[in-house]
Amino acid sequence: MIALDNSTKLREVVVGSDPANHDALVGHVDTSKFAIGGPDGAGHISPGPNPYDLLSASLAACTAMTVRFQARRRKLPLERVEVGVSFHHGAQGERDAFKRTLLLEGELDAQQRAFLLDAANLCPVGEILGISADIHTYPDTATTGHNATTQATYVDDLAELEIPNINPD
């Protein structure tokens, strides 16, 4: 087992203009780089995951790690975990929500599967996001009936931002 080092320095994600393409954004974490998609302010959509995609990916990654950790800790026969996450705006006056679907492969019985579905709710990123949005978790075979909202669109939300009039003196 790997011991976790609590003295590890804090990591910072930096997002800025891509030197190769000034209309695009690129994110950096240590030596890793990734494109960030979305509107560029000039009528184009840059390729890559937009901020809602990145938020959903964070929840999916944290959930997969948490489920895998709990399975190993309990010595459960989980062979593979896959987590799908989508972000949805709540109906007027309701909270936004994440729909999270877990695919659990291995010789798991019903009790073990239920335990791992519950373990998904222990994800630290989910704890943070759950403060302002609901997180609904489903097994991969469930029909969710989660149709009260539509999937959130970052470009549409950005277009709805009210930009104040700035009058230069």
C-alpha atoms as a PDB file:
ATOM      1  CA  MET A   1       0.000   0.000   0.000  1.00  0.00           C
ATOM      2  CA  ILE A   2       1.262   3.465  -0.871  1.00  0.00           C
ATOM      3  CA  ALA A   3       1.501   5.857   2.039  1.00  0.00           C
ATOM      4  CA  LEU A   4       0.006   9.252   1.316  1.00  0.00           C
ATOM      5  CA  ASP A   5       2.341  12.163   1.966  1.00  0.00           C
ATOM      6  CA  ASN A   6       0.462  15.034   3.571  1.00  0.00           C
ATOM      7  CA  SER A   7       3.432  17.365   3.084  1.00  0.00           C
ATOM      8  CA  THR A   8       2.976  17.351  -0.710  1.00  0.00           C
ATOM      9  CA  LYS A   9       2.879  20.879  -2.103  1.00  0.00           C
ATOM     10  CA  LEU A  10      -0.422  22.243  -3.318  1.00  0.00           C
ATOM     11  CA  ARG A  11      -0.979  21.848  -7.041  1.00  0.00           C
ATOM     12  CA  GLU A  12      -2.290  24.731  -9.039  1.00  0.00           C
ATOM     13  CA  VAL A  13      -4.175  24.484 -12.317  1.00  0.00           C
ATOM     14  CA  VAL A  14      -3.258  27.315 -14.654  1.00  0.00           C
ATOM     15  CA  VAL A  15      -5.366  28.189 -17.710  1.00  0.00           C
ATOM     16  CA  GLY A  16      -4.192  30.647 -20.327  1.00  0.00           C
ATOM     17  CA  SER A  17      -3.977  31.419 -24.010  1.00  0.00           C
ATOM     18  CA  ASP A  18      -2.417  28.696 -26.116  1.00  0.00           C
ATOM     19  CA  PRO A  19       0.858  30.085 -27.538  1.00  0.00           C
ATOM     20  CA  ALA A  20       0.261  28.125 -30.763  1.00  0.00           C
ATOM     21  CA  ASN A  21      -3.349  29.330 -31.158  1.00  0.00           C
ATOM     22  CA  HIS A  22      -4.271  32.559 -29.342  1.00  0.00           C
ATOM     23  CA  ASP A  23      -8.004  31.934 -29.754  1.00  0.00           C
ATOM     24  CA  ALA A  24      -7.757  28.697 -27.767  1.00  0.00           C
ATOM     25  CA  LEU A  25      -7.137  28.050 -24.080  1.00  0.00           C
ATOM     26  CA  VAL A  26      -4.869  25.442 -22.594  1.00  0.00           C
ATOM     27  CA  GLY A  27      -4.749  24.153 -19.035  1.00  0.00           C
ATOM     28  CA  HIS A  28      -1.576  23.123 -17.224  1.00  0.00           C
ATOM     29  CA  VAL A  29      -1.115  21.010 -14.104  1.00  0.00           C
ATOM     30  CA  ASP A  30       2.566  20.376 -13.401  1.00  0.00           C
ATOM     31  CA  THR A  31       3.836  18.969 -16.729  1.00  0.00           C
ATOM     32  CA  SER A  32       0.402  17.920 -18.033  1.00  0.00           C
ATOM     33  CA  LYS A  33      -1.332  20.062 -20.657  1.00  0.00           C
ATOM     34  CA  PHE A  34      -4.904  19.868 -21.960  1.00  0.00           C
ATOM     35  CA  ALA A  35      -7.035  21.877 -24.348  1.00  0.00           C
ATOM     36  CA  ILE A  36     -10.058  23.705 -22.973  1.00  0.00           C
ATOM     37  CA  GLY A  37     -12.960  24.202 -25.331  1.00  0.00           C
ATOM     38  CA  GLY A  38     -15.657  26.779 -25.493  1.00  0.00           C
ATOM     39  CA  PRO A  39     -16.501  30.097 -27.084  1.00  0.00           C
ATOM     40  CA  ASP A  40     -13.534  32.283 -27.943  1.00  0.00           C
ATOM     41  CA  GLY A  41     -15.389  35.586 -27.988  1.00  0.00           C
ATOM     42  CA  ALA A  42     -15.022  35.875 -31.777  1.00  0.00           C
ATOM     43  CA  GLY A  43     -17.900  33.593 -32.724  1.00  0.00           C
ATOM     44  CA  HIS A  44     -15.921  30.349 -32.757  1.00  0.00           C
ATOM     45  CA  ILE A  45     -15.994  27.340 -30.448  1.00  0.00           C
ATOM     46  CA  SER A  46     -12.551  26.040 -29.503  1.00  0.00           C
ATOM     47  CA  PRO A  47     -12.240  22.246 -29.418  1.00  0.00           C
ATOM     48  CA  GLY A  48     -11.763  20.388 -26.167  1.00  0.00           C
ATOM     49  CA  PRO A  49     -13.744  19.869 -22.995  1.00  0.00           C
ATOM     50  CA  ASN A  50     -15.574  22.973 -21.776  1.00  0.00           C
ATOM     51  CA  PRO A  51     -15.691  23.961 -18.087  1.00  0.00           C
ATOM     52  CA  TYR A  52     -18.855  21.873 -17.447  1.00  0.00           C
ATOM     53  CA  ASP A  53     -17.139  18.862 -19.052  1.00  0.00           C
ATOM     54  CA  LEU A  54     -14.099  19.387 -16.830  1.00  0.00           C
ATOM     55  CA  LEU A  55     -16.299  19.664 -13.746  1.00  0.00           C
ATOM     56  CA  SER A  56     -18.099  16.443 -14.716  1.00  0.00           C
ATOM     57  CA  ALA A  57     -14.749  14.746 -15.429  1.00  0.00           C
ATOM     58  CA  SER A  58     -13.529  15.727 -11.955  1.00  0.00           C
ATOM     59  CA  LEU A  59     -16.579  14.127 -10.358  1.00  0.00           C
ATOM     60  CA  ALA A  60     -16.236  11.007 -12.543  1.00  0.00           C
ATOM     61  CA  ALA A  61     -12.515  10.601 -11.810  1.00  0.00           C
ATOM     62  CA  CYS A  62     -12.937  11.095  -8.077  1.00  0.00           C
ATOM     63  CA  THR A  63     -15.860   8.664  -7.991  1.00  0.00           C
ATOM     64  CA  ALA A  64     -13.922   5.984  -9.890  1.00  0.00           C
ATOM     65  CA  MET A  65     -10.940   6.382  -7.547  1.00  0.00           C
ATOM     66  CA  THR A  66     -13.155   6.242  -4.453  1.00  0.00           C
ATOM     67  CA  VAL A  67     -15.047   3.138  -5.622  1.00  0.00           C
ATOM     68  CA  ARG A  68     -11.815   1.389  -6.629  1.00  0.00           C
ATOM     69  CA  PHE A  69     -10.217   2.290  -3.267  1.00  0.00           C
ATOM     70  CA  GLN A  70     -13.195   0.951  -1.292  1.00  0.00           C
ATOM     71  CA  ALA A  71     -13.278  -2.256  -3.367  1.00  0.00           C
ATOM     72  CA  ARG A  72      -9.576  -2.898  -2.758  1.00  0.00           C
ATOM     73  CA  ARG A  73      -9.887  -2.028   0.901  1.00  0.00           C
ATOM     74  CA  ARG A  74     -12.709  -4.577   1.307  1.00  0.00           C
ATOM     75  CA  LYS A  75     -11.010  -7.054  -1.055  1.00  0.00           C
ATOM     76  CA  LEU A  76     -14.055  -7.098  -3.345  1.00  0.00           C
ATOM     77  CA  PRO A  77     -13.694  -8.720  -6.778  1.00  0.00           C
ATOM     78  CA  LEU A  78     -14.092  -5.475  -8.742  1.00  0.00           C
ATOM     79  CA  GLU A  79     -12.286  -5.921 -12.041  1.00  0.00           C
ATOM     80  CA  ARG A  80     -13.247  -2.648 -13.702  1.00  0.00           C
ATOM     81  CA  VAL A  81     -15.128   0.538 -12.866  1.00  0.00           C
ATOM     82  CA  GLU A  82     -16.399   3.108 -15.337  1.00  0.00           C
ATOM     83  CA  VAL A  83     -18.179   6.295 -14.300  1.00  0.00           C
ATOM     84  CA  GLY A  84     -20.238   8.506 -16.604  1.00  0.00           C
ATOM     85  CA  VAL A  85     -21.286  11.966 -15.433  1.00  0.00           C
ATOM     86  CA  SER A  86     -23.460  14.630 -17.045  1.00  0.00           C
ATOM     87  CA  PHE A  87     -24.432  18.032 -15.674  1.00  0.00           C
ATOM     88  CA  HIS A  88     -28.040  19.240 -15.842  1.00  0.00           C
ATOM     89  CA  HIS A  89     -29.621  22.575 -14.957  1.00  0.00           C
ATOM     90  CA  GLY A  90     -32.504  22.372 -12.535  1.00  0.00           C
ATOM     91  CA  ALA A  91     -35.941  23.532 -13.524  1.00  0.00           C
ATOM     92  CA  GLN A  92     -36.733  27.082 -12.437  1.00  0.00           C
ATOM     93  CA  GLY A  93     -36.130  27.372  -8.708  1.00  0.00           C
ATOM     94  CA  GLU A  94     -34.635  23.870  -8.416  1.00  0.00           C
ATOM     95  CA  ARG A  95     -31.034  22.882  -7.861  1.00  0.00           C
ATOM     96  CA  ASP A  96     -28.716  21.897 -10.664  1.00  0.00           C
ATOM     97  CA  ALA A  97     -27.829  18.208 -10.728  1.00  0.00           C
ATOM     98  CA  PHE A  98     -25.201  15.753 -11.848  1.00  0.00           C
ATOM     99  CA  LYS A  99     -26.321  12.400 -13.203  1.00  0.00           C
ATOM    100  CA  ARG A 100     -23.696   9.788 -12.347  1.00  0.00           C
ATOM    101  CA  THR A 101     -23.790   6.262 -13.775  1.00  0.00           C
ATOM    102  CA  LEU A 102     -21.513   3.479 -12.523  1.00  0.00           C
ATOM    103  CA  LEU A 103     -20.490   0.408 -14.471  1.00  0.00           C
ATOM    104  CA  LEU A 104     -19.074  -2.197 -12.097  1.00  0.00           C
ATOM    105  CA  GLU A 105     -17.498  -5.314 -13.609  1.00  0.00           C
ATOM    106  CA  GLY A 106     -16.413  -8.374 -11.703  1.00  0.00           C
ATOM    107  CA  GLU A 107     -17.889 -11.264  -9.765  1.00  0.00           C
ATOM    108  CA  LEU A 108     -19.741  -8.972  -7.365  1.00  0.00           C
ATOM    109  CA  ASP A 109     -22.896 -10.060  -5.582  1.00  0.00           C
ATOM    110  CA  ALA A 110     -25.866  -7.716  -5.067  1.00  0.00           C
ATOM    111  CA  GLN A 111     -24.711  -6.643  -1.593  1.00  0.00           C
ATOM    112  CA  GLN A 112     -21.216  -5.807  -2.849  1.00  0.00           C
ATOM    113  CA  ARG A 113     -22.639  -3.815  -5.773  1.00  0.00           C
ATOM    114  CA  ALA A 114     -24.909  -1.877  -3.414  1.00  0.00           C
ATOM    115  CA  PHE A 115     -21.947  -1.162  -1.133  1.00  0.00           C
ATOM    116  CA  LEU A 116     -19.899   0.202  -4.053  1.00  0.00           C
ATOM    117  CA  LEU A 117     -22.811   2.367  -5.267  1.00  0.00           C
ATOM    118  CA  ASP A 118     -23.027   3.833  -1.763  1.00  0.00           C
ATOM    119  CA  ALA A 119     -19.234   4.255  -1.709  1.00  0.00           C
ATOM    120  CA  ALA A 120     -19.539   6.541  -4.742  1.00  0.00           C
ATOM    121  CA  ASN A 121     -21.157   9.087  -2.412  1.00  0.00           C
ATOM    122  CA  LEU A 122     -17.960   9.236  -0.335  1.00  0.00           C
ATOM    123  CA  CYS A 123     -16.102  10.929  -3.180  1.00  0.00           C
ATOM    124  CA  PRO A 124     -14.521  14.178  -1.870  1.00  0.00           C
ATOM    125  CA  VAL A 125     -15.261  16.104  -5.086  1.00  0.00           C
ATOM    126  CA  GLY A 126     -18.882  14.976  -4.813  1.00  0.00           C
ATOM    127  CA  GLU A 127     -18.977  16.285  -1.253  1.00  0.00           C
ATOM    128  CA  ILE A 128     -17.907  19.723  -2.487  1.00  0.00           C
ATOM    129  CA  LEU A 129     -20.205  19.785  -5.514  1.00  0.00           C
ATOM    130  CA  GLY A 130     -23.123  18.470  -3.469  1.00  0.00           C
ATOM    131  CA  ILE A 131     -23.206  21.756  -1.559  1.00  0.00           C
ATOM    132  CA  SER A 132     -24.769  23.526  -4.539  1.00  0.00           C
ATOM    133  CA  ALA A 133     -26.029  20.706  -6.783  1.00  0.00           C
ATOM    134  CA  ASP A 134     -27.737  17.359  -6.356  1.00  0.00           C
ATOM    135  CA  ILE A 135     -25.833  14.230  -7.379  1.00  0.00           C
ATOM    136  CA  HIS A 136     -27.918  11.261  -8.497  1.00  0.00           C
ATOM    137  CA  THR A 137     -26.096   7.919  -8.754  1.00  0.00           C
ATOM    138  CA  TYR A 138     -27.396   4.987 -10.786  1.00  0.00           C
ATOM    139  CA  PRO A 139     -26.121   1.533 -11.691  1.00  0.00           C
ATOM    140  CA  ASP A 140     -25.338   1.208 -15.374  1.00  0.00           C
ATOM    141  CA  THR A 141     -28.496  -0.814 -16.087  1.00  0.00           C
ATOM    142  CA  ALA A 142     -31.009   1.497 -14.408  1.00  0.00           C
ATOM    143  CA  THR A 143     -33.601   3.548 -16.206  1.00  0.00           C
ATOM    144  CA  THR A 144     -33.279   6.780 -14.299  1.00  0.00           C
ATOM    145  CA  GLY A 145     -36.403   8.677 -15.234  1.00  0.00           C
ATOM    146  CA  HIS A 146     -34.172  11.735 -14.798  1.00  0.00           C
ATOM    147  CA  ASN A 147     -35.917  13.910 -17.370  1.00  0.00           C
ATOM    148  CA  ALA A 148     -36.956  16.932 -15.345  1.00  0.00           C
ATOM    149  CA  THR A 149     -34.055  18.924 -16.743  1.00  0.00           C
ATOM    150  CA  THR A 150     -32.001  19.162 -19.870  1.00  0.00           C
ATOM    151  CA  GLN A 151     -28.277  18.730 -20.035  1.00  0.00           C
ATOM    152  CA  ALA A 152     -26.492  21.989 -19.334  1.00  0.00           C
ATOM    153  CA  THR A 153     -24.839  23.752 -22.245  1.00  0.00           C
ATOM    154  CA  TYR A 154     -21.864  25.895 -21.353  1.00  0.00           C
ATOM    155  CA  VAL A 155     -22.049  27.999 -24.520  1.00  0.00           C
ATOM    156  CA  ASP A 156     -25.723  28.828 -23.884  1.00  0.00           C
ATOM    157  CA  ASP A 157     -25.032  29.724 -20.260  1.00  0.00           C
ATOM    158  CA  LEU A 158     -22.145  31.961 -21.226  1.00  0.00           C
ATOM    159  CA  ALA A 159     -24.329  33.736 -23.797  1.00  0.00           C
ATOM    160  CA  GLU A 160     -26.904  34.491 -21.068  1.00  0.00           C
ATOM    161  CA  LEU A 161     -24.418  36.357 -18.878  1.00  0.00           C
ATOM    162  CA  GLU A 162     -25.396  39.944 -18.342  1.00  0.00           C
ATOM    163  CA  ILE A 163     -22.469  42.169 -19.148  1.00  0.00           C
ATOM    164  CA  PRO A 164     -22.749  45.526 -17.424  1.00  0.00           C
ATOM    165  CA  ASN A 165     -22.434  48.701 -19.424  1.00  0.00           C
ATOM    166  CA  ILE A 166     -19.123  50.330 -18.770  1.00  0.00           C
ATOM    167  CA  ASN A 167     -19.075  54.015 -19.527  1.00  0.00           C
ATOM    168  CA  PRO A 168     -15.571  55.398 -19.801  1.00  0.00           C
ATOM    169  CA  ASP A 169     -15.101  58.842 -18.253  1.00  0.00           C
END
